[in-house]
Amino acid sequence: MPLKILHTNDFHGTLVGQPLAKMMQLRQDADLYFDSGDCIKAGNLAFVFRPEPVWNHLADLHCDASVTGNRECHLYEFAVRMKLSGAKHPVLCGNLRRKGADYLLPRSLVLDREGYRIGVVSAMIAMVTPKMSSQSAVTLTWEPPTETILELAEELRPQVDLLVALTHIGHRQDLELAAKCPRLDVILGGHSHTVVQAPVQVGSTFVCQGGSHAKFAGVYEWNDGILTGGLVPLK
């Protein structure tokens, strides 16, 4: 049975009005909805003192999972917590960890939908790494995203029928990831604002991204190892 997937990325606080109404319509026909980060309006180093409206919109859309973008992150744990306050769906990030300690957010999850067991792994761009001199002044560090996905995919692949990576690392890096990690079936990406009209196949892996600022949503269908579909205008 085909599995219908809805995907968005890089809203930057623009999921309102016509795009939101269109998303509500598209969600009715989708089995799964994923977002690949930078959905909030606040900037990278901003402090947020009230929940961003987009979290309620994603709740109304029954978002199954998202990955943090740089806008959802910060250099300090308390600021990340503030930015994510109001999120009612699983927000993942496989490579974000407390310095010298455990991971800050869930790294992966498994969903059951329409007879499929779907594994979801995640990673974002590294804002601060252990090798940077600035790491001494912050409370969070980021592990390399590609290596993170490789690790998580190896762990989850035997347990699932479909393995999806939610990434916020940019389209070029997604293509490189697909070449290095054939265990992935689908990469749903963000960060570079690349308009990928139809899934790009690298080996057996399909790579997608939908521009930015609520211009498009990705509407896809997974069936027998093939991802079809493409971008639908929201404006």
C-alpha atoms as a PDB file:
ATOM      1  CA  MET A   1       0.000   0.000   0.000  1.00  0.00           C
ATOM      2  CA  PRO A   2       1.374   3.472  -0.861  1.00  0.00           C
ATOM      3  CA  LEU A   3       2.398   5.718   2.021  1.00  0.00           C
ATOM      4  CA  LYS A   4       1.685   9.430   1.577  1.00  0.00           C
ATOM      5  CA  ILE A   5       4.226  11.839   3.086  1.00  0.00           C
ATOM      6  CA  LEU A   6       3.920  15.621   3.545  1.00  0.00           C
ATOM      7  CA  HIS A   7       7.119  17.614   4.130  1.00  0.00           C
ATOM      8  CA  THR A   8       8.063  21.229   4.816  1.00  0.00           C
ATOM      9  CA  ASN A   9      11.190  23.158   5.773  1.00  0.00           C
ATOM     10  CA  ASP A  10      12.403  26.669   6.606  1.00  0.00           C
ATOM     11  CA  PHE A  11       9.097  28.417   7.304  1.00  0.00           C
ATOM     12  CA  HIS A  12      10.905  31.182   9.238  1.00  0.00           C
ATOM     13  CA  GLY A  13       7.656  32.112  10.983  1.00  0.00           C
ATOM     14  CA  THR A  14       5.630  32.460   7.758  1.00  0.00           C
ATOM     15  CA  LEU A  15       3.163  29.585   8.232  1.00  0.00           C
ATOM     16  CA  VAL A  16       0.084  31.825   8.384  1.00  0.00           C
ATOM     17  CA  GLY A  17      -2.874  32.763   6.192  1.00  0.00           C
ATOM     18  CA  GLN A  18      -3.101  31.070   2.802  1.00  0.00           C
ATOM     19  CA  PRO A  19      -0.082  28.750   3.282  1.00  0.00           C
ATOM     20  CA  LEU A  20      -1.531  27.472   6.560  1.00  0.00           C
ATOM     21  CA  ALA A  21      -4.952  26.905   4.996  1.00  0.00           C
ATOM     22  CA  LYS A  22      -3.364  25.036   2.091  1.00  0.00           C
ATOM     23  CA  MET A  23      -1.305  22.922   4.483  1.00  0.00           C
ATOM     24  CA  MET A  24      -4.454  21.953   6.375  1.00  0.00           C
ATOM     25  CA  GLN A  25      -5.950  20.709   3.111  1.00  0.00           C
ATOM     26  CA  LEU A  26      -2.832  18.759   2.145  1.00  0.00           C
ATOM     27  CA  ARG A  27      -2.572  17.181   5.581  1.00  0.00           C
ATOM     28  CA  GLN A  28      -5.951  15.520   5.182  1.00  0.00           C
ATOM     29  CA  ASP A  29      -4.564  13.222   2.481  1.00  0.00           C
ATOM     30  CA  ALA A  30      -1.168  12.534   4.093  1.00  0.00           C
ATOM     31  CA  ASP A  31      -0.293   9.590   6.320  1.00  0.00           C
ATOM     32  CA  LEU A  32       2.769  11.376   7.727  1.00  0.00           C
ATOM     33  CA  TYR A  33       3.905  14.972   8.096  1.00  0.00           C
ATOM     34  CA  PHE A  34       7.522  15.960   8.807  1.00  0.00           C
ATOM     35  CA  ASP A  35       9.247  19.352   9.092  1.00  0.00           C
ATOM     36  CA  SER A  36      12.983  19.915   8.610  1.00  0.00           C
ATOM     37  CA  GLY A  37      13.626  22.904  10.827  1.00  0.00           C
ATOM     38  CA  ASP A  38      13.811  26.698  10.939  1.00  0.00           C
ATOM     39  CA  CYS A  39      10.057  26.849  11.350  1.00  0.00           C
ATOM     40  CA  ILE A  40      10.159  29.589  14.020  1.00  0.00           C
ATOM     41  CA  LYS A  41      10.711  33.307  13.426  1.00  0.00           C
ATOM     42  CA  ALA A  42      13.345  33.983  16.114  1.00  0.00           C
ATOM     43  CA  GLY A  43      16.969  34.220  14.947  1.00  0.00           C
ATOM     44  CA  ASN A  44      19.824  31.901  15.841  1.00  0.00           C
ATOM     45  CA  LEU A  45      20.954  33.729  18.977  1.00  0.00           C
ATOM     46  CA  ALA A  46      17.610  35.259  19.956  1.00  0.00           C
ATOM     47  CA  PHE A  47      15.963  34.673  23.320  1.00  0.00           C
ATOM     48  CA  VAL A  48      12.281  33.727  23.209  1.00  0.00           C
ATOM     49  CA  PHE A  49       9.985  34.643  26.103  1.00  0.00           C
ATOM     50  CA  ARG A  50       6.692  33.241  24.807  1.00  0.00           C
ATOM     51  CA  PRO A  51       5.830  30.236  22.615  1.00  0.00           C
ATOM     52  CA  GLU A  52       6.042  30.889  18.894  1.00  0.00           C
ATOM     53  CA  PRO A  53       2.664  30.649  17.067  1.00  0.00           C
ATOM     54  CA  VAL A  54       3.998  28.059  14.611  1.00  0.00           C
ATOM     55  CA  TRP A  55       4.025  25.387  17.317  1.00  0.00           C
ATOM     56  CA  ASN A  56       0.236  25.530  17.591  1.00  0.00           C
ATOM     57  CA  HIS A  57      -0.030  25.417  13.807  1.00  0.00           C
ATOM     58  CA  LEU A  58       2.148  22.298  13.660  1.00  0.00           C
ATOM     59  CA  ALA A  59       0.004  20.763  16.397  1.00  0.00           C
ATOM     60  CA  ASP A  60      -3.140  21.465  14.350  1.00  0.00           C
ATOM     61  CA  LEU A  61      -1.392  19.823  11.391  1.00  0.00           C
ATOM     62  CA  HIS A  62      -0.547  16.774  13.537  1.00  0.00           C
ATOM     63  CA  CYS A  63       3.151  16.993  12.747  1.00  0.00           C
ATOM     64  CA  ASP A  64       4.687  13.573  13.355  1.00  0.00           C
ATOM     65  CA  ALA A  65       8.226  14.861  13.963  1.00  0.00           C
ATOM     66  CA  SER A  66      10.639  17.656  13.133  1.00  0.00           C
ATOM     67  CA  VAL A  67      14.364  18.294  13.385  1.00  0.00           C
ATOM     68  CA  THR A  68      15.803  21.447  14.884  1.00  0.00           C
ATOM     69  CA  GLY A  69      17.161  24.059  12.533  1.00  0.00           C
ATOM     70  CA  ASN A  70      19.629  26.719  13.588  1.00  0.00           C
ATOM     71  CA  ARG A  71      16.688  29.020  14.429  1.00  0.00           C
ATOM     72  CA  GLU A  72      15.396  26.512  16.970  1.00  0.00           C
ATOM     73  CA  CYS A  73      18.828  26.273  18.551  1.00  0.00           C
ATOM     74  CA  HIS A  74      21.166  28.421  20.622  1.00  0.00           C
ATOM     75  CA  LEU A  75      24.517  28.140  22.347  1.00  0.00           C
ATOM     76  CA  TYR A  76      22.901  27.580  25.744  1.00  0.00           C
ATOM     77  CA  GLU A  77      20.519  24.853  26.840  1.00  0.00           C
ATOM     78  CA  PHE A  78      18.037  27.118  28.608  1.00  0.00           C
ATOM     79  CA  ALA A  79      17.647  29.221  25.456  1.00  0.00           C
ATOM     80  CA  VAL A  80      16.953  26.134  23.333  1.00  0.00           C
ATOM     81  CA  ARG A  81      14.340  25.048  25.863  1.00  0.00           C
ATOM     82  CA  MET A  82      12.700  28.467  25.610  1.00  0.00           C
ATOM     83  CA  LYS A  83      12.639  28.307  21.819  1.00  0.00           C
ATOM     84  CA  LEU A  84      11.059  24.849  21.848  1.00  0.00           C
ATOM     85  CA  SER A  85       8.456  25.697  24.484  1.00  0.00           C
ATOM     86  CA  GLY A  86       5.040  25.169  22.980  1.00  0.00           C
ATOM     87  CA  ALA A  87       6.077  22.342  20.650  1.00  0.00           C
ATOM     88  CA  LYS A  88       3.638  19.464  21.065  1.00  0.00           C
ATOM     89  CA  HIS A  89       5.204  17.008  18.609  1.00  0.00           C
ATOM     90  CA  PRO A  90       8.543  15.164  18.856  1.00  0.00           C
ATOM     91  CA  VAL A  91      11.415  17.562  18.076  1.00  0.00           C
ATOM     92  CA  LEU A  92      14.548  15.571  17.252  1.00  0.00           C
ATOM     93  CA  CYS A  93      18.233  16.322  16.933  1.00  0.00           C
ATOM     94  CA  GLY A  94      20.647  13.435  16.737  1.00  0.00           C
ATOM     95  CA  ASN A  95      23.865  15.416  17.042  1.00  0.00           C
ATOM     96  CA  LEU A  96      23.099  18.052  19.708  1.00  0.00           C
ATOM     97  CA  ARG A  97      24.418  17.254  23.162  1.00  0.00           C
ATOM     98  CA  ARG A  98      25.167  18.867  26.473  1.00  0.00           C
ATOM     99  CA  LYS A  99      28.888  19.502  26.655  1.00  0.00           C
ATOM    100  CA  GLY A 100      30.520  16.497  28.240  1.00  0.00           C
ATOM    101  CA  ALA A 101      27.158  14.853  28.891  1.00  0.00           C
ATOM    102  CA  ASP A 102      24.151  13.265  27.205  1.00  0.00           C
ATOM    103  CA  TYR A 103      22.106  14.320  24.185  1.00  0.00           C
ATOM    104  CA  LEU A 104      19.708  17.209  24.659  1.00  0.00           C
ATOM    105  CA  LEU A 105      16.830  15.933  22.491  1.00  0.00           C
ATOM    106  CA  PRO A 106      15.607  12.594  21.155  1.00  0.00           C
ATOM    107  CA  ARG A 107      17.833  11.423  18.324  1.00  0.00           C
ATOM    108  CA  SER A 108      15.410   9.142  16.507  1.00  0.00           C
ATOM    109  CA  LEU A 109      11.990   7.547  16.724  1.00  0.00           C
ATOM    110  CA  VAL A 110       9.924   4.750  15.218  1.00  0.00           C
ATOM    111  CA  LEU A 111       6.374   5.201  13.925  1.00  0.00           C
ATOM    112  CA  ASP A 112       3.794   2.674  12.774  1.00  0.00           C
ATOM    113  CA  ARG A 113       1.560   3.828   9.953  1.00  0.00           C
ATOM    114  CA  GLU A 114      -0.515   2.086   7.275  1.00  0.00           C
ATOM    115  CA  GLY A 115       1.222  -1.237   7.824  1.00  0.00           C
ATOM    116  CA  TYR A 116       4.706   0.314   7.679  1.00  0.00           C
ATOM    117  CA  ARG A 117       7.228   0.557  10.470  1.00  0.00           C
ATOM    118  CA  ILE A 118       8.986   3.894   9.846  1.00  0.00           C
ATOM    119  CA  GLY A 119      12.302   4.850  11.396  1.00  0.00           C
ATOM    120  CA  VAL A 120      13.207   8.526  11.658  1.00  0.00           C
ATOM    121  CA  VAL A 121      16.785   9.711  12.290  1.00  0.00           C
ATOM    122  CA  SER A 122      17.909  13.326  12.565  1.00  0.00           C
ATOM    123  CA  ALA A 123      20.769  15.810  12.493  1.00  0.00           C
ATOM    124  CA  MET A 124      21.393  19.518  11.916  1.00  0.00           C
ATOM    125  CA  ILE A 125      24.363  21.709  11.001  1.00  0.00           C
ATOM    126  CA  ALA A 126      27.014  21.959  13.692  1.00  0.00           C
ATOM    127  CA  MET A 127      26.897  25.420  15.292  1.00  0.00           C
ATOM    128  CA  VAL A 128      29.721  24.719  17.769  1.00  0.00           C
ATOM    129  CA  THR A 129      32.031  21.702  17.728  1.00  0.00           C
ATOM    130  CA  PRO A 130      34.395  20.438  20.448  1.00  0.00           C
ATOM    131  CA  LYS A 131      37.367  21.612  18.347  1.00  0.00           C
ATOM    132  CA  MET A 132      36.270  25.261  18.239  1.00  0.00           C
ATOM    133  CA  SER A 133      37.817  27.687  20.720  1.00  0.00           C
ATOM    134  CA  SER A 134      34.342  29.112  21.407  1.00  0.00           C
ATOM    135  CA  GLN A 135      33.157  25.808  22.859  1.00  0.00           C
ATOM    136  CA  SER A 136      34.608  26.759  26.246  1.00  0.00           C
ATOM    137  CA  ALA A 137      32.022  29.526  26.622  1.00  0.00           C
ATOM    138  CA  VAL A 138      28.878  27.519  25.729  1.00  0.00           C
ATOM    139  CA  THR A 139      26.926  24.652  27.262  1.00  0.00           C
ATOM    140  CA  LEU A 140      26.108  22.727  24.068  1.00  0.00           C
ATOM    141  CA  THR A 141      28.117  21.106  21.290  1.00  0.00           C
ATOM    142  CA  TRP A 142      27.213  19.480  17.982  1.00  0.00           C
ATOM    143  CA  GLU A 143      28.661  16.263  16.624  1.00  0.00           C
ATOM    144  CA  PRO A 144      29.288  15.928  12.849  1.00  0.00           C
ATOM    145  CA  PRO A 145      25.867  15.472  11.210  1.00  0.00           C
ATOM    146  CA  THR A 146      26.851  12.939   8.542  1.00  0.00           C
ATOM    147  CA  GLU A 147      28.600  10.658  11.024  1.00  0.00           C
ATOM    148  CA  THR A 148      25.601  10.970  13.333  1.00  0.00           C
ATOM    149  CA  ILE A 149      23.156   9.872  10.646  1.00  0.00           C
ATOM    150  CA  LEU A 150      25.422   6.977   9.646  1.00  0.00           C
ATOM    151  CA  GLU A 151      25.471   5.776  13.245  1.00  0.00           C
ATOM    152  CA  LEU A 152      21.725   6.115  13.800  1.00  0.00           C
ATOM    153  CA  ALA A 153      20.858   4.536  10.444  1.00  0.00           C
ATOM    154  CA  GLU A 154      23.027   1.502  11.195  1.00  0.00           C
ATOM    155  CA  GLU A 155      21.210   1.071  14.507  1.00  0.00           C
ATOM    156  CA  LEU A 156      17.662   1.558  13.243  1.00  0.00           C
ATOM    157  CA  ARG A 157      17.694  -0.023   9.758  1.00  0.00           C
ATOM    158  CA  PRO A 158      17.113  -3.654  10.881  1.00  0.00           C
ATOM    159  CA  GLN A 159      14.021  -2.595  12.836  1.00  0.00           C
ATOM    160  CA  VAL A 160      12.055  -0.727  10.157  1.00  0.00           C
ATOM    161  CA  ASP A 161      10.525  -0.987   6.682  1.00  0.00           C
ATOM    162  CA  LEU A 162      11.219   2.647   5.742  1.00  0.00           C
ATOM    163  CA  LEU A 163      14.119   4.737   7.053  1.00  0.00           C
ATOM    164  CA  VAL A 164      13.771   8.535   6.815  1.00  0.00           C
ATOM    165  CA  ALA A 165      16.410  11.129   7.725  1.00  0.00           C
ATOM    166  CA  LEU A 166      15.185  14.556   8.813  1.00  0.00           C
ATOM    167  CA  THR A 167      18.118  16.886   8.206  1.00  0.00           C
ATOM    168  CA  HIS A 168      18.919  20.577   8.423  1.00  0.00           C
ATOM    169  CA  ILE A 169      22.312  20.581   6.742  1.00  0.00           C
ATOM    170  CA  GLY A 170      21.690  21.861   3.195  1.00  0.00           C
ATOM    171  CA  HIS A 171      21.000  20.145  -0.129  1.00  0.00           C
ATOM    172  CA  ARG A 172      24.614  19.580  -1.178  1.00  0.00           C
ATOM    173  CA  GLN A 173      25.356  17.880   2.124  1.00  0.00           C
ATOM    174  CA  ASP A 174      22.166  15.819   1.776  1.00  0.00           C
ATOM    175  CA  LEU A 175      23.355  14.515  -1.589  1.00  0.00           C
ATOM    176  CA  GLU A 176      26.717  13.613  -0.069  1.00  0.00           C
ATOM    177  CA  LEU A 177      24.933  11.921   2.849  1.00  0.00           C
ATOM    178  CA  ALA A 178      22.810   9.863   0.453  1.00  0.00           C
ATOM    179  CA  ALA A 179      25.952   8.638  -1.315  1.00  0.00           C
ATOM    180  CA  LYS A 180      27.592   7.667   1.983  1.00  0.00           C
ATOM    181  CA  CYS A 181      24.534   6.116   3.639  1.00  0.00           C
ATOM    182  CA  PRO A 182      22.633   3.757   1.320  1.00  0.00           C
ATOM    183  CA  ARG A 183      20.732   2.417   4.327  1.00  0.00           C
ATOM    184  CA  LEU A 184      18.558   5.537   4.147  1.00  0.00           C
ATOM    185  CA  ASP A 185      15.453   5.396   1.966  1.00  0.00           C
ATOM    186  CA  VAL A 186      14.504   9.076   2.079  1.00  0.00           C
ATOM    187  CA  ILE A 187      16.237  12.299   3.147  1.00  0.00           C
ATOM    188  CA  LEU A 188      13.892  15.197   3.886  1.00  0.00           C
ATOM    189  CA  GLY A 189      16.150  18.228   4.139  1.00  0.00           C
ATOM    190  CA  GLY A 190      16.309  21.913   4.897  1.00  0.00           C
ATOM    191  CA  HIS A 191      18.658  24.853   5.583  1.00  0.00           C
ATOM    192  CA  SER A 192      19.859  25.759   2.057  1.00  0.00           C
ATOM    193  CA  HIS A 193      16.385  26.852   0.841  1.00  0.00           C
ATOM    194  CA  THR A 194      16.877  24.731  -2.271  1.00  0.00           C
ATOM    195  CA  VAL A 195      13.806  24.237  -4.451  1.00  0.00           C
ATOM    196  CA  VAL A 196      13.906  20.552  -5.393  1.00  0.00           C
ATOM    197  CA  GLN A 197      10.840  20.099  -7.574  1.00  0.00           C
ATOM    198  CA  ALA A 198      10.959  16.289  -7.549  1.00  0.00           C
ATOM    199  CA  PRO A 199      12.923  13.781  -5.444  1.00  0.00           C
ATOM    200  CA  VAL A 200      16.549  13.373  -6.512  1.00  0.00           C
ATOM    201  CA  GLN A 201      17.671   9.757  -6.473  1.00  0.00           C
ATOM    202  CA  VAL A 202      21.198   8.952  -5.316  1.00  0.00           C
ATOM    203  CA  GLY A 203      21.658   5.201  -5.506  1.00  0.00           C
ATOM    204  CA  SER A 204      18.564   3.850  -3.752  1.00  0.00           C
ATOM    205  CA  THR A 205      18.072   6.974  -1.597  1.00  0.00           C
ATOM    206  CA  PHE A 206      15.714   9.838  -2.445  1.00  0.00           C
ATOM    207  CA  VAL A 207      16.579  13.426  -1.458  1.00  0.00           C
ATOM    208  CA  CYS A 208      13.962  16.188  -1.082  1.00  0.00           C
ATOM    209  CA  GLN A 209      13.797  19.852  -0.062  1.00  0.00           C
ATOM    210  CA  GLY A 210      11.102  22.508  -0.526  1.00  0.00           C
ATOM    211  CA  GLY A 211      12.612  25.980  -0.727  1.00  0.00           C
ATOM    212  CA  SER A 212      11.653  28.328   2.128  1.00  0.00           C
ATOM    213  CA  HIS A 213       9.197  30.837   3.577  1.00  0.00           C
ATOM    214  CA  ALA A 214       6.063  28.755   2.986  1.00  0.00           C
ATOM    215  CA  LYS A 215       6.302  28.884  -0.800  1.00  0.00           C
ATOM    216  CA  PHE A 216       6.052  25.105  -1.233  1.00  0.00           C
ATOM    217  CA  ALA A 217       5.264  21.851   0.507  1.00  0.00           C
ATOM    218  CA  GLY A 218       6.536  18.463  -0.586  1.00  0.00           C
ATOM    219  CA  VAL A 219       3.803  15.921  -1.318  1.00  0.00           C
ATOM    220  CA  TYR A 220       5.253  12.448  -1.856  1.00  0.00           C
ATOM    221  CA  GLU A 221       4.214   8.821  -2.124  1.00  0.00           C
ATOM    222  CA  TRP A 222       6.388   5.906  -1.042  1.00  0.00           C
ATOM    223  CA  ASN A 223       5.561   2.651  -2.769  1.00  0.00           C
ATOM    224  CA  ASP A 224       7.663  -0.465  -3.261  1.00  0.00           C
ATOM    225  CA  GLY A 225      11.004   1.297  -2.733  1.00  0.00           C
ATOM    226  CA  ILE A 226      10.241   4.297  -4.935  1.00  0.00           C
ATOM    227  CA  LEU A 227       9.427   7.870  -3.858  1.00  0.00           C
ATOM    228  CA  THR A 228       7.319   9.864  -6.303  1.00  0.00           C
ATOM    229  CA  GLY A 229       5.635  13.265  -6.136  1.00  0.00           C
ATOM    230  CA  GLY A 230       7.060  16.730  -5.744  1.00  0.00           C
ATOM    231  CA  LEU A 231       6.483  20.300  -4.617  1.00  0.00           C
ATOM    232  CA  VAL A 232       3.060  21.915  -4.392  1.00  0.00           C
ATOM    233  CA  PRO A 233       2.741  25.739  -4.191  1.00  0.00           C
ATOM    234  CA  LEU A 234       1.322  27.085  -0.932  1.00  0.00           C
ATOM    235  CA  LYS A 235       0.884  30.659  -2.230  1.00  0.00           C
END
